[in-house]
Amino acid sequence: MADTLKCDDCGQFATSEPGSSGARMYDFAAMEPDYDHFRCKRCTERLGPVHSNARPASGDMRGYEQVY
């Protein structure tokens, strides 16, 4: 069963169904994870997948962004 989350863009409760997206956001002043940004399927289709503000040295964003 998919997790029920609140979309950070439209505010509607949705599930992490195929087509939705999420990303870990960081607070660089504290140098630690701040929150996970979730975007529902409808907003992902309208706005594109959400992107993390992380900047890994390898450039590999797979651990920071996810399209379900």
C-alpha atoms as a PDB file:
ATOM      1  CA  MET A   1       0.000   0.000   0.000  1.00  0.00           C
ATOM      2  CA  ALA A   2       1.269   3.476  -0.859  1.00  0.00           C
ATOM      3  CA  ASP A   3       1.960   6.099   1.793  1.00  0.00           C
ATOM      4  CA  THR A   4      -0.575   8.909   2.146  1.00  0.00           C
ATOM      5  CA  LEU A   5       1.227  12.243   2.009  1.00  0.00           C
ATOM      6  CA  LYS A   6       0.287  15.895   1.618  1.00  0.00           C
ATOM      7  CA  CYS A   7       1.382  17.536  -1.634  1.00  0.00           C
ATOM      8  CA  ASP A   8       3.610  20.535  -0.867  1.00  0.00           C
ATOM      9  CA  ASP A   9       2.403  22.322  -4.017  1.00  0.00           C
ATOM     10  CA  CYS A  10      -1.423  21.978  -4.025  1.00  0.00           C
ATOM     11  CA  GLY A  11      -2.005  20.929  -0.393  1.00  0.00           C
ATOM     12  CA  GLN A  12      -4.141  17.906  -1.261  1.00  0.00           C
ATOM     13  CA  PHE A  13      -3.597  14.560   0.438  1.00  0.00           C
ATOM     14  CA  ALA A  14      -2.392  11.990  -2.084  1.00  0.00           C
ATOM     15  CA  THR A  15      -0.540   8.702  -2.246  1.00  0.00           C
ATOM     16  CA  SER A  16       2.969   8.014  -3.464  1.00  0.00           C
ATOM     17  CA  GLU A  17       1.448   6.434  -6.570  1.00  0.00           C
ATOM     18  CA  PRO A  18       3.283   6.004  -9.874  1.00  0.00           C
ATOM     19  CA  GLY A  19       3.816   9.448 -11.374  1.00  0.00           C
ATOM     20  CA  SER A  20       4.241  11.332  -8.071  1.00  0.00           C
ATOM     21  CA  SER A  21       7.671  12.571  -6.959  1.00  0.00           C
ATOM     22  CA  GLY A  22       9.650  13.453  -3.870  1.00  0.00           C
ATOM     23  CA  ALA A  23      12.992  14.945  -2.897  1.00  0.00           C
ATOM     24  CA  ARG A  24      15.026  15.463   0.270  1.00  0.00           C
ATOM     25  CA  MET A  25      15.670  19.168   0.935  1.00  0.00           C
ATOM     26  CA  TYR A  26      18.631  20.404   2.992  1.00  0.00           C
ATOM     27  CA  ASP A  27      19.278  23.319   5.316  1.00  0.00           C
ATOM     28  CA  PHE A  28      22.810  24.340   4.419  1.00  0.00           C
ATOM     29  CA  ALA A  29      23.203  26.622   7.447  1.00  0.00           C
ATOM     30  CA  ALA A  30      22.778  23.600   9.742  1.00  0.00           C
ATOM     31  CA  MET A  31      24.254  21.208   7.123  1.00  0.00           C
ATOM     32  CA  GLU A  32      21.530  18.619   7.647  1.00  0.00           C
ATOM     33  CA  PRO A  33      18.300  17.356   6.033  1.00  0.00           C
ATOM     34  CA  ASP A  34      15.450  19.805   6.585  1.00  0.00           C
ATOM     35  CA  TYR A  35      12.348  18.158   5.072  1.00  0.00           C
ATOM     36  CA  ASP A  36      11.085  15.890   2.292  1.00  0.00           C
ATOM     37  CA  HIS A  37       9.231  17.729  -0.482  1.00  0.00           C
ATOM     38  CA  PHE A  38       6.383  15.623  -1.939  1.00  0.00           C
ATOM     39  CA  ARG A  39       4.550  16.394  -5.175  1.00  0.00           C
ATOM     40  CA  CYS A  40       1.365  14.490  -6.107  1.00  0.00           C
ATOM     41  CA  LYS A  41       0.877  12.900  -9.527  1.00  0.00           C
ATOM     42  CA  ARG A  42      -1.239  15.798 -10.819  1.00  0.00           C
ATOM     43  CA  CYS A  43       1.302  18.444  -9.757  1.00  0.00           C
ATOM     44  CA  THR A  44       4.218  16.329 -11.044  1.00  0.00           C
ATOM     45  CA  GLU A  45       2.504  16.160 -14.456  1.00  0.00           C
ATOM     46  CA  ARG A  46       1.849  19.918 -14.374  1.00  0.00           C
ATOM     47  CA  LEU A  47       5.162  21.143 -12.869  1.00  0.00           C
ATOM     48  CA  GLY A  48       7.579  18.265 -13.471  1.00  0.00           C
ATOM     49  CA  PRO A  49       9.297  16.170 -10.804  1.00  0.00           C
ATOM     50  CA  VAL A  50      10.514  17.962  -7.699  1.00  0.00           C
ATOM     51  CA  HIS A  51      14.303  18.410  -7.450  1.00  0.00           C
ATOM     52  CA  SER A  52      16.456  18.309  -4.327  1.00  0.00           C
ATOM     53  CA  ASN A  53      18.778  21.156  -3.421  1.00  0.00           C
ATOM     54  CA  ALA A  54      21.502  18.617  -2.497  1.00  0.00           C
ATOM     55  CA  ARG A  55      24.822  18.885  -4.308  1.00  0.00           C
ATOM     56  CA  PRO A  56      26.629  15.538  -3.988  1.00  0.00           C
ATOM     57  CA  ALA A  57      30.259  15.507  -5.143  1.00  0.00           C
ATOM     58  CA  SER A  58      29.526  12.588  -7.470  1.00  0.00           C
ATOM     59  CA  GLY A  59      26.560  14.380  -9.075  1.00  0.00           C
ATOM     60  CA  ASP A  60      24.420  11.258  -8.513  1.00  0.00           C
ATOM     61  CA  MET A  61      20.987  12.469  -7.330  1.00  0.00           C
ATOM     62  CA  ARG A  62      19.386   8.987  -7.020  1.00  0.00           C
ATOM     63  CA  GLY A  63      19.597   9.035  -3.237  1.00  0.00           C
ATOM     64  CA  TYR A  64      18.008  12.487  -2.990  1.00  0.00           C
ATOM     65  CA  GLU A  65      15.214  12.497  -5.601  1.00  0.00           C
ATOM     66  CA  GLN A  66      12.578   9.908  -6.428  1.00  0.00           C
ATOM     67  CA  VAL A  67       9.861   9.546  -9.039  1.00  0.00           C
ATOM     68  CA  TYR A  68       7.468   6.848  -7.865  1.00  0.00           C
END
